[in-house]
Amino acid sequence: MKGKIVVCRCEDVTQKDVEESIAHGYADIEEVKRYTGFGTGPCQGKECLSVVAALLAERGDAVALAPFTSRPPLAPTPLKHYAALAALDPASEEEP
């Protein structure tokens, strides 16, 4: 059952996926993120980063454990907040 251990629930990334990315030569946490997609879901890595870091730590490479690049929004943001921004855009106002 080792291959069925889910390390990223948001993106359905398994331990086997992470191990395959390492076997393909992706050596650090950023490369593994880009290959597997872990850490790109709603939690932005809050749930899975430590698990993937532990899998990389088993290899003994401290450089591989540098934090990955997160992309905004860093916290889940309701769409209503983005919709409200349109009202603040002066370019969206019609001229009389």
PDB file of N, CA and C in Angstrom:
ATOM      1  N   MET A   1       0.810  -1.205   0.000  1.00  0.00           N
ATOM      2  CA  MET A   1       0.000   0.000   0.000  1.00  0.00           C
ATOM      3  C   MET A   1       0.850   1.265   0.000  1.00  0.00           C
ATOM      4  N   LYS A   2       2.160   1.153  -0.059  1.00  0.00           N
ATOM      5  CA  LYS A   2       3.020   2.322   0.028  1.00  0.00           C
ATOM      6  C   LYS A   2       2.685   3.352  -1.048  1.00  0.00           C
ATOM      7  N   GLY A   3       2.371   2.915  -2.264  1.00  0.00           N
ATOM      8  CA  GLY A   3       2.076   3.837  -3.349  1.00  0.00           C
ATOM      9  C   GLY A   3       0.761   4.562  -3.195  1.00  0.00           C
ATOM     10  N   LYS A   4      -0.078   4.123  -2.290  1.00  0.00           N
ATOM     11  CA  LYS A   4      -1.384   4.744  -2.098  1.00  0.00           C
ATOM     12  C   LYS A   4      -1.403   5.722  -0.934  1.00  0.00           C
ATOM     13  N   ILE A   5      -0.269   6.053  -0.391  1.00  0.00           N
ATOM     14  CA  ILE A   5      -0.214   7.032   0.690  1.00  0.00           C
ATOM     15  C   ILE A   5      -0.312   8.418   0.063  1.00  0.00           C
ATOM     16  N   VAL A   6      -1.397   9.120   0.355  1.00  0.00           N
ATOM     17  CA  VAL A   6      -1.615  10.449  -0.214  1.00  0.00           C
ATOM     18  C   VAL A   6      -0.877  11.476   0.637  1.00  0.00           C
ATOM     19  N   VAL A   7       0.012  12.235   0.002  1.00  0.00           N
ATOM     20  CA  VAL A   7       0.763  13.259   0.732  1.00  0.00           C
ATOM     21  C   VAL A   7       0.176  14.646   0.519  1.00  0.00           C
ATOM     22  N   CYS A   8      -0.563  14.832  -0.573  1.00  0.00           N
ATOM     23  CA  CYS A   8      -1.225  16.113  -0.843  1.00  0.00           C
ATOM     24  C   CYS A   8      -2.668  15.818  -1.219  1.00  0.00           C
ATOM     25  N   ARG A   9      -3.562  16.049  -0.269  1.00  0.00           N
ATOM     26  CA  ARG A   9      -4.981  15.762  -0.514  1.00  0.00           C
ATOM     27  C   ARG A   9      -5.597  16.727  -1.517  1.00  0.00           C
ATOM     28  N   CYS A  10      -5.142  17.951  -1.536  1.00  0.00           N
ATOM     29  CA  CYS A  10      -5.721  18.945  -2.450  1.00  0.00           C
ATOM     30  C   CYS A  10      -5.500  18.564  -3.910  1.00  0.00           C
ATOM     31  N   GLU A  11      -4.312  18.092  -4.224  1.00  0.00           N
ATOM     32  CA  GLU A  11      -3.951  17.782  -5.609  1.00  0.00           C
ATOM     33  C   GLU A  11      -3.811  16.286  -5.854  1.00  0.00           C
ATOM     34  N   ASP A  12      -4.176  15.450  -4.872  1.00  0.00           N
ATOM     35  CA  ASP A  12      -4.165  13.993  -4.996  1.00  0.00           C
ATOM     36  C   ASP A  12      -2.783  13.471  -5.401  1.00  0.00           C
ATOM     37  N   VAL A  13      -1.748  13.964  -4.732  1.00  0.00           N
ATOM     38  CA  VAL A  13      -0.378  13.527  -4.988  1.00  0.00           C
ATOM     39  C   VAL A  13      -0.032  12.455  -3.966  1.00  0.00           C
ATOM     40  N   THR A  14       0.475  11.318  -4.458  1.00  0.00           N
ATOM     41  CA  THR A  14       0.814  10.207  -3.569  1.00  0.00           C
ATOM     42  C   THR A  14       2.311  10.189  -3.273  1.00  0.00           C
ATOM     43  N   GLN A  15       2.666   9.379  -2.282  1.00  0.00           N
ATOM     44  CA  GLN A  15       4.077   9.197  -1.955  1.00  0.00           C
ATOM     45  C   GLN A  15       4.808   8.624  -3.169  1.00  0.00           C
ATOM     46  N   LYS A  16       4.153   7.735  -3.891  1.00  0.00           N
ATOM     47  CA  LYS A  16       4.757   7.150  -5.090  1.00  0.00           C
ATOM     48  C   LYS A  16       5.052   8.233  -6.131  1.00  0.00           C
ATOM     49  N   ASP A  17       4.153   9.205  -6.293  1.00  0.00           N
ATOM     50  CA  ASP A  17       4.382  10.311  -7.232  1.00  0.00           C
ATOM     51  C   ASP A  17       5.639  11.091  -6.855  1.00  0.00           C
ATOM     52  N   VAL A  18       5.798  11.360  -5.566  1.00  0.00           N
ATOM     53  CA  VAL A  18       6.970  12.107  -5.091  1.00  0.00           C
ATOM     54  C   VAL A  18       8.234  11.293  -5.327  1.00  0.00           C
ATOM     55  N   GLU A  19       8.187   9.996  -4.998  1.00  0.00           N
ATOM     56  CA  GLU A  19       9.357   9.141  -5.191  1.00  0.00           C
ATOM     57  C   GLU A  19       9.719   9.025  -6.672  1.00  0.00           C
ATOM     58  N   GLU A  20       8.719   8.970  -7.553  1.00  0.00           N
ATOM     59  CA  GLU A  20       8.989   8.920  -8.995  1.00  0.00           C
ATOM     60  C   GLU A  20       9.633  10.219  -9.477  1.00  0.00           C
ATOM     61  N   SER A  21       9.187  11.352  -8.937  1.00  0.00           N
ATOM     62  CA  SER A  21       9.791  12.622  -9.351  1.00  0.00           C
ATOM     63  C   SER A  21      11.259  12.678  -8.939  1.00  0.00           C
ATOM     64  N   ILE A  22      11.568  12.156  -7.763  1.00  0.00           N
ATOM     65  CA  ILE A  22      12.960  12.110  -7.305  1.00  0.00           C
ATOM     66  C   ILE A  22      13.768  11.178  -8.206  1.00  0.00           C
ATOM     67  N   ALA A  23      13.174  10.035  -8.574  1.00  0.00           N
ATOM     68  CA  ALA A  23      13.849   9.077  -9.457  1.00  0.00           C
ATOM     69  C   ALA A  23      14.107   9.668 -10.845  1.00  0.00           C
ATOM     70  N   HIS A  24      13.253  10.594 -11.283  1.00  0.00           N
ATOM     71  CA  HIS A  24      13.429  11.248 -12.581  1.00  0.00           C
ATOM     72  C   HIS A  24      14.438  12.392 -12.517  1.00  0.00           C
ATOM     73  N   GLY A  25      14.997  12.648 -11.339  1.00  0.00           N
ATOM     74  CA  GLY A  25      16.045  13.651 -11.217  1.00  0.00           C
ATOM     75  C   GLY A  25      15.623  14.984 -10.638  1.00  0.00           C
ATOM     76  N   TYR A  26      14.372  15.103 -10.223  1.00  0.00           N
ATOM     77  CA  TYR A  26      13.931  16.344  -9.588  1.00  0.00           C
ATOM     78  C   TYR A  26      14.393  16.299  -8.143  1.00  0.00           C
ATOM     79  N   ALA A  27      15.371  17.149  -7.815  1.00  0.00           N
ATOM     80  CA  ALA A  27      16.124  16.974  -6.581  1.00  0.00           C
ATOM     81  C   ALA A  27      15.709  17.865  -5.426  1.00  0.00           C
ATOM     82  N   ASP A  28      15.034  18.976  -5.680  1.00  0.00           N
ATOM     83  CA  ASP A  28      14.667  19.832  -4.553  1.00  0.00           C
ATOM     84  C   ASP A  28      13.155  20.010  -4.491  1.00  0.00           C
ATOM     85  N   ILE A  29      12.717  20.653  -3.435  1.00  0.00           N
ATOM     86  CA  ILE A  29      11.286  20.736  -3.160  1.00  0.00           C
ATOM     87  C   ILE A  29      10.542  21.541  -4.228  1.00  0.00           C
ATOM     88  N   GLU A  30      11.171  22.568  -4.782  1.00  0.00           N
ATOM     89  CA  GLU A  30      10.541  23.359  -5.848  1.00  0.00           C
ATOM     90  C   GLU A  30      10.339  22.514  -7.103  1.00  0.00           C
ATOM     91  N   GLU A  31      11.346  21.742  -7.478  1.00  0.00           N
ATOM     92  CA  GLU A  31      11.230  20.886  -8.663  1.00  0.00           C
ATOM     93  C   GLU A  31      10.173  19.805  -8.469  1.00  0.00           C
ATOM     94  N   VAL A  32      10.137  19.217  -7.288  1.00  0.00           N
ATOM     95  CA  VAL A  32       9.130  18.190  -7.000  1.00  0.00           C
ATOM     96  C   VAL A  32       7.737  18.811  -7.042  1.00  0.00           C
ATOM     97  N   LYS A  33       7.605  20.029  -6.529  1.00  0.00           N
ATOM     98  CA  LYS A  33       6.309  20.718  -6.578  1.00  0.00           C
ATOM     99  C   LYS A  33       5.870  20.927  -8.020  1.00  0.00           C
ATOM    100  N   ARG A  34       6.775  21.381  -8.854  1.00  0.00           N
ATOM    101  CA  ARG A  34       6.429  21.640 -10.253  1.00  0.00           C
ATOM    102  C   ARG A  34       6.112  20.354 -11.010  1.00  0.00           C
ATOM    103  N   TYR A  35       6.773  19.260 -10.660  1.00  0.00           N
ATOM    104  CA  TYR A  35       6.543  17.981 -11.338  1.00  0.00           C
ATOM    105  C   TYR A  35       5.235  17.335 -10.895  1.00  0.00           C
ATOM    106  N   THR A  36       4.959  17.369  -9.586  1.00  0.00           N
ATOM    107  CA  THR A  36       3.787  16.656  -9.063  1.00  0.00           C
ATOM    108  C   THR A  36       2.570  17.549  -8.865  1.00  0.00           C
ATOM    109  N   GLY A  37       2.787  18.834  -8.617  1.00  0.00           N
ATOM    110  CA  GLY A  37       1.670  19.739  -8.347  1.00  0.00           C
ATOM    111  C   GLY A  37       1.315  19.847  -6.876  1.00  0.00           C
ATOM    112  N   PHE A  38       2.061  19.148  -6.000  1.00  0.00           N
ATOM    113  CA  PHE A  38       1.758  19.275  -4.570  1.00  0.00           C
ATOM    114  C   PHE A  38       1.942  20.729  -4.156  1.00  0.00           C
ATOM    115  N   GLY A  39       1.173  21.161  -3.183  1.00  0.00           N
ATOM    116  CA  GLY A  39       1.315  22.515  -2.657  1.00  0.00           C
ATOM    117  C   GLY A  39       0.674  23.596  -3.501  1.00  0.00           C
ATOM    118  N   THR A  40      -0.031  23.226  -4.565  1.00  0.00           N
ATOM    119  CA  THR A  40      -0.653  24.228  -5.427  1.00  0.00           C
ATOM    120  C   THR A  40      -2.165  24.281  -5.255  1.00  0.00           C
ATOM    121  N   GLY A  41      -2.687  23.504  -4.335  1.00  0.00           N
ATOM    122  CA  GLY A  41      -4.127  23.484  -4.099  1.00  0.00           C
ATOM    123  C   GLY A  41      -4.549  24.554  -3.111  1.00  0.00           C
ATOM    124  N   PRO A  42      -5.763  24.450  -2.616  1.00  0.00           N
ATOM    125  CA  PRO A  42      -6.296  25.463  -1.698  1.00  0.00           C
ATOM    126  C   PRO A  42      -5.467  25.680  -0.434  1.00  0.00           C
ATOM    127  N   CYS A  43      -4.779  24.649   0.054  1.00  0.00           N
ATOM    128  CA  CYS A  43      -4.011  24.826   1.299  1.00  0.00           C
ATOM    129  C   CYS A  43      -2.649  25.475   1.049  1.00  0.00           C
ATOM    130  N   GLN A  44      -2.224  25.579  -0.238  1.00  0.00           N
ATOM    131  CA  GLN A  44      -0.943  26.185  -0.600  1.00  0.00           C
ATOM    132  C   GLN A  44       0.234  25.561   0.149  1.00  0.00           C
ATOM    133  N   GLY A  45       0.174  24.251   0.387  1.00  0.00           N
ATOM    134  CA  GLY A  45       1.283  23.541   1.011  1.00  0.00           C
ATOM    135  C   GLY A  45       1.238  23.459   2.517  1.00  0.00           C
ATOM    136  N   LYS A  46       0.243  24.063   3.140  1.00  0.00           N
ATOM    137  CA  LYS A  46       0.178  24.027   4.607  1.00  0.00           C
ATOM    138  C   LYS A  46       0.017  22.608   5.136  1.00  0.00           C
ATOM    139  N   GLU A  47      -0.643  21.748   4.374  1.00  0.00           N
ATOM    140  CA  GLU A  47      -0.883  20.367   4.803  1.00  0.00           C
ATOM    141  C   GLU A  47       0.208  19.410   4.328  1.00  0.00           C
ATOM    142  N   CYS A  48       0.815  19.657   3.179  1.00  0.00           N
ATOM    143  CA  CYS A  48       1.676  18.651   2.558  1.00  0.00           C
ATOM    144  C   CYS A  48       3.166  18.994   2.544  1.00  0.00           C
ATOM    145  N   LEU A  49       3.520  20.229   2.754  1.00  0.00           N
ATOM    146  CA  LEU A  49       4.923  20.626   2.648  1.00  0.00           C
ATOM    147  C   LEU A  49       5.819  19.821   3.585  1.00  0.00           C
ATOM    148  N   SER A  50       5.400  19.641   4.823  1.00  0.00           N
ATOM    149  CA  SER A  50       6.247  18.926   5.782  1.00  0.00           C
ATOM    150  C   SER A  50       6.418  17.460   5.403  1.00  0.00           C
ATOM    151  N   VAL A  51       5.384  16.855   4.821  1.00  0.00           N
ATOM    152  CA  VAL A  51       5.472  15.447   4.421  1.00  0.00           C
ATOM    153  C   VAL A  51       6.460  15.291   3.267  1.00  0.00           C
ATOM    154  N   VAL A  52       6.347  16.146   2.264  1.00  0.00           N
ATOM    155  CA  VAL A  52       7.259  16.070   1.119  1.00  0.00           C
ATOM    156  C   VAL A  52       8.680  16.414   1.562  1.00  0.00           C
ATOM    157  N   ALA A  53       8.830  17.379   2.452  1.00  0.00           N
ATOM    158  CA  ALA A  53      10.157  17.722   2.972  1.00  0.00           C
ATOM    159  C   ALA A  53      10.770  16.531   3.695  1.00  0.00           C
ATOM    160  N   ALA A  54       9.959  15.787   4.439  1.00  0.00           N
ATOM    161  CA  ALA A  54      10.461  14.597   5.137  1.00  0.00           C
ATOM    162  C   ALA A  54      10.919  13.530   4.141  1.00  0.00           C
ATOM    163  N   LEU A  55      10.174  13.363   3.054  1.00  0.00           N
ATOM    164  CA  LEU A  55      10.578  12.392   2.030  1.00  0.00           C
ATOM    165  C   LEU A  55      11.906  12.798   1.394  1.00  0.00           C
ATOM    166  N   LEU A  56      12.091  14.097   1.155  1.00  0.00           N
ATOM    167  CA  LEU A  56      13.361  14.571   0.603  1.00  0.00           C
ATOM    168  C   LEU A  56      14.486  14.481   1.638  1.00  0.00           C
ATOM    169  N   ALA A  57      14.164  14.693   2.907  1.00  0.00           N
ATOM    170  CA  ALA A  57      15.174  14.632   3.968  1.00  0.00           C
ATOM    171  C   ALA A  57      15.751  13.228   4.103  1.00  0.00           C
ATOM    172  N   GLU A  58      14.953  12.225   3.773  1.00  0.00           N
ATOM    173  CA  GLU A  58      15.446  10.845   3.826  1.00  0.00           C
ATOM    174  C   GLU A  58      16.638  10.656   2.891  1.00  0.00           C
ATOM    175  N   ARG A  59      16.736  11.502   1.862  1.00  0.00           N
ATOM    176  CA  ARG A  59      17.855  11.445   0.930  1.00  0.00           C
ATOM    177  C   ARG A  59      19.095  12.105   1.518  1.00  0.00           C
ATOM    178  N   GLY A  60      18.925  12.934   2.557  1.00  0.00           N
ATOM    179  CA  GLY A  60      20.053  13.563   3.229  1.00  0.00           C
ATOM    180  C   GLY A  60      20.574  14.826   2.567  1.00  0.00           C
ATOM    181  N   ASP A  61      19.782  15.449   1.700  1.00  0.00           N
ATOM    182  CA  ASP A  61      20.211  16.659   0.994  1.00  0.00           C
ATOM    183  C   ASP A  61      19.511  17.875   1.596  1.00  0.00           C
ATOM    184  N   ALA A  62      20.244  18.646   2.407  1.00  0.00           N
ATOM    185  CA  ALA A  62      19.647  19.800   3.085  1.00  0.00           C
ATOM    186  C   ALA A  62      19.248  20.899   2.102  1.00  0.00           C
ATOM    187  N   VAL A  63      19.939  21.033   0.983  1.00  0.00           N
ATOM    188  CA  VAL A  63      19.614  22.060  -0.009  1.00  0.00           C
ATOM    189  C   VAL A  63      18.225  21.815  -0.585  1.00  0.00           C
ATOM    190  N   ALA A  64      17.844  20.566  -0.692  1.00  0.00           N
ATOM    191  CA  ALA A  64      16.543  20.213  -1.263  1.00  0.00           C
ATOM    192  C   ALA A  64      15.391  20.663  -0.385  1.00  0.00           C
ATOM    193  N   LEU A  65      15.660  21.055   0.844  1.00  0.00           N
ATOM    194  CA  LEU A  65      14.599  21.386   1.787  1.00  0.00           C
ATOM    195  C   LEU A  65      14.273  22.871   1.857  1.00  0.00           C
ATOM    196  N   ALA A  66      14.875  23.681   1.012  1.00  0.00           N
ATOM    197  CA  ALA A  66      14.526  25.106   0.991  1.00  0.00           C
ATOM    198  C   ALA A  66      13.049  25.244   0.638  1.00  0.00           C
ATOM    199  N   PRO A  67      12.347  26.208   1.232  1.00  0.00           N
ATOM    200  CA  PRO A  67      10.908  26.352   0.959  1.00  0.00           C
ATOM    201  C   PRO A  67      10.639  26.610  -0.519  1.00  0.00           C
ATOM    202  N   PHE A  68       9.518  26.093  -0.986  1.00  0.00           N
ATOM    203  CA  PHE A  68       9.161  26.316  -2.382  1.00  0.00           C
ATOM    204  C   PHE A  68       8.539  27.688  -2.554  1.00  0.00           C
ATOM    205  N   THR A  69       8.445  28.127  -3.798  1.00  0.00           N
ATOM    206  CA  THR A  69       7.857  29.421  -4.124  1.00  0.00           C
ATOM    207  C   THR A  69       6.347  29.298  -4.062  1.00  0.00           C
ATOM    208  N   SER A  70       5.735  30.047  -3.170  1.00  0.00           N
ATOM    209  CA  SER A  70       4.273  30.026  -3.098  1.00  0.00           C
ATOM    210  C   SER A  70       3.740  31.179  -3.934  1.00  0.00           C
ATOM    211  N   ARG A  71       2.556  31.009  -4.409  1.00  0.00           N
ATOM    212  CA  ARG A  71       1.933  32.011  -5.265  1.00  0.00           C
ATOM    213  C   ARG A  71       0.703  32.574  -4.567  1.00  0.00           C
ATOM    214  N   PRO A  72       0.457  33.869  -4.722  1.00  0.00           N
ATOM    215  CA  PRO A  72      -0.727  34.449  -4.102  1.00  0.00           C
ATOM    216  C   PRO A  72      -1.986  33.865  -4.718  1.00  0.00           C
ATOM    217  N   PRO A  73      -3.076  33.791  -4.022  1.00  0.00           N
ATOM    218  CA  PRO A  73      -3.233  34.184  -2.626  1.00  0.00           C
ATOM    219  C   PRO A  73      -2.673  33.114  -1.701  1.00  0.00           C
ATOM    220  N   LEU A  74      -2.054  33.557  -0.627  1.00  0.00           N
ATOM    221  CA  LEU A  74      -1.464  32.628   0.330  1.00  0.00           C
ATOM    222  C   LEU A  74      -2.505  32.025   1.256  1.00  0.00           C
ATOM    223  N   ALA A  75      -3.662  32.619   1.281  1.00  0.00           N
ATOM    224  CA  ALA A  75      -4.773  32.083   2.073  1.00  0.00           C
ATOM    225  C   ALA A  75      -5.981  31.979   1.146  1.00  0.00           C
ATOM    226  N   PRO A  76      -6.830  30.991   1.361  1.00  0.00           N
ATOM    227  CA  PRO A  76      -8.035  30.904   0.530  1.00  0.00           C
ATOM    228  C   PRO A  76      -8.822  32.213   0.593  1.00  0.00           C
ATOM    229  N   THR A  77      -9.203  32.734  -0.561  1.00  0.00           N
ATOM    230  CA  THR A  77      -9.895  34.010  -0.650  1.00  0.00           C
ATOM    231  C   THR A  77     -11.225  33.823  -1.362  1.00  0.00           C
ATOM    232  N   PRO A  78     -12.325  34.193  -0.718  1.00  0.00           N
ATOM    233  CA  PRO A  78     -13.629  34.065  -1.374  1.00  0.00           C
ATOM    234  C   PRO A  78     -13.692  34.913  -2.645  1.00  0.00           C
ATOM    235  N   LEU A  79     -14.338  34.398  -3.674  1.00  0.00           N
ATOM    236  CA  LEU A  79     -14.432  35.111  -4.947  1.00  0.00           C
ATOM    237  C   LEU A  79     -15.157  36.444  -4.823  1.00  0.00           C
ATOM    238  N   LYS A  80     -16.039  36.577  -3.825  1.00  0.00           N
ATOM    239  CA  LYS A  80     -16.773  37.835  -3.670  1.00  0.00           C
ATOM    240  C   LYS A  80     -15.817  39.009  -3.438  1.00  0.00           C
ATOM    241  N   HIS A  81     -14.648  38.744  -2.842  1.00  0.00           N
ATOM    242  CA  HIS A  81     -13.673  39.819  -2.623  1.00  0.00           C
ATOM    243  C   HIS A  81     -13.092  40.307  -3.949  1.00  0.00           C
ATOM    244  N   TYR A  82     -12.862  39.388  -4.875  1.00  0.00           N
ATOM    245  CA  TYR A  82     -12.354  39.780  -6.187  1.00  0.00           C
ATOM    246  C   TYR A  82     -13.428  40.497  -6.991  1.00  0.00           C
ATOM    247  N   ALA A  83     -14.663  40.049  -6.879  1.00  0.00           N
ATOM    248  CA  ALA A  83     -15.765  40.690  -7.596  1.00  0.00           C
ATOM    249  C   ALA A  83     -15.943  42.134  -7.124  1.00  0.00           C
ATOM    250  N   ALA A  84     -15.727  42.368  -5.841  1.00  0.00           N
ATOM    251  CA  ALA A  84     -15.876  43.715  -5.293  1.00  0.00           C
ATOM    252  C   ALA A  84     -14.793  44.658  -5.817  1.00  0.00           C
ATOM    253  N   LEU A  85     -13.662  44.130  -6.259  1.00  0.00           N
ATOM    254  CA  LEU A  85     -12.580  44.980  -6.760  1.00  0.00           C
ATOM    255  C   LEU A  85     -12.961  45.691  -8.053  1.00  0.00           C
ATOM    256  N   ALA A  86     -13.841  45.112  -8.843  1.00  0.00           N
ATOM    257  CA  ALA A  86     -14.253  45.744 -10.099  1.00  0.00           C
ATOM    258  C   ALA A  86     -14.901  47.101  -9.842  1.00  0.00           C
ATOM    259  N   ALA A  87     -15.592  47.240  -8.737  1.00  0.00           N
ATOM    260  CA  ALA A  87     -16.235  48.509  -8.399  1.00  0.00           C
ATOM    261  C   ALA A  87     -15.201  49.588  -8.068  1.00  0.00           C
ATOM    262  N   LEU A  88     -14.005  49.199  -7.687  1.00  0.00           N
ATOM    263  CA  LEU A  88     -12.957  50.155  -7.329  1.00  0.00           C
ATOM    264  C   LEU A  88     -12.113  50.587  -8.523  1.00  0.00           C
ATOM    265  N   ASP A  89     -12.256  49.928  -9.662  1.00  0.00           N
ATOM    266  CA  ASP A  89     -11.440  50.204 -10.838  1.00  0.00           C
ATOM    267  C   ASP A  89     -11.978  51.425 -11.582  1.00  0.00           C
ATOM    268  N   PRO A  90     -11.213  52.529 -11.623  1.00  0.00           N
ATOM    269  CA  PRO A  90     -11.693  53.735 -12.309  1.00  0.00           C
ATOM    270  C   PRO A  90     -11.876  53.508 -13.811  1.00  0.00           C
ATOM    271  N   ALA A  91     -11.168  52.583 -14.395  1.00  0.00           N
ATOM    272  CA  ALA A  91     -11.296  52.315 -15.832  1.00  0.00           C
ATOM    273  C   ALA A  91     -12.625  51.653 -16.162  1.00  0.00           C
ATOM    274  N   SER A  92     -13.267  51.055 -15.163  1.00  0.00           N
ATOM    275  CA  SER A  92     -14.531  50.371 -15.428  1.00  0.00           C
ATOM    276  C   SER A  92     -15.726  51.328 -15.382  1.00  0.00           C
ATOM    277  N   GLU A  93     -15.494  52.572 -14.968  1.00  0.00           N
ATOM    278  CA  GLU A  93     -16.585  53.551 -14.911  1.00  0.00           C
ATOM    279  C   GLU A  93     -16.863  54.102 -16.302  1.00  0.00           C
ATOM    280  N   GLU A  94     -18.126  54.219 -16.623  1.00  0.00           N
ATOM    281  CA  GLU A  94     -18.510  54.782 -17.917  1.00  0.00           C
ATOM    282  C   GLU A  94     -18.534  56.302 -17.811  1.00  0.00           C
ATOM    283  N   GLU A  95     -18.074  56.956 -18.869  1.00  0.00           N
ATOM    284  CA  GLU A  95     -18.109  58.417 -18.888  1.00  0.00           C
ATOM    285  C   GLU A  95     -19.446  58.874 -19.451  1.00  0.00           C
ATOM    286  N   PRO A  96     -19.995  59.984 -18.920  1.00  0.00           N
ATOM    287  CA  PRO A  96     -21.307  60.461 -19.401  1.00  0.00           C
ATOM    288  C   PRO A  96     -21.258  61.022 -20.794  1.00  0.00           C
TER     289      PRO A  96
END
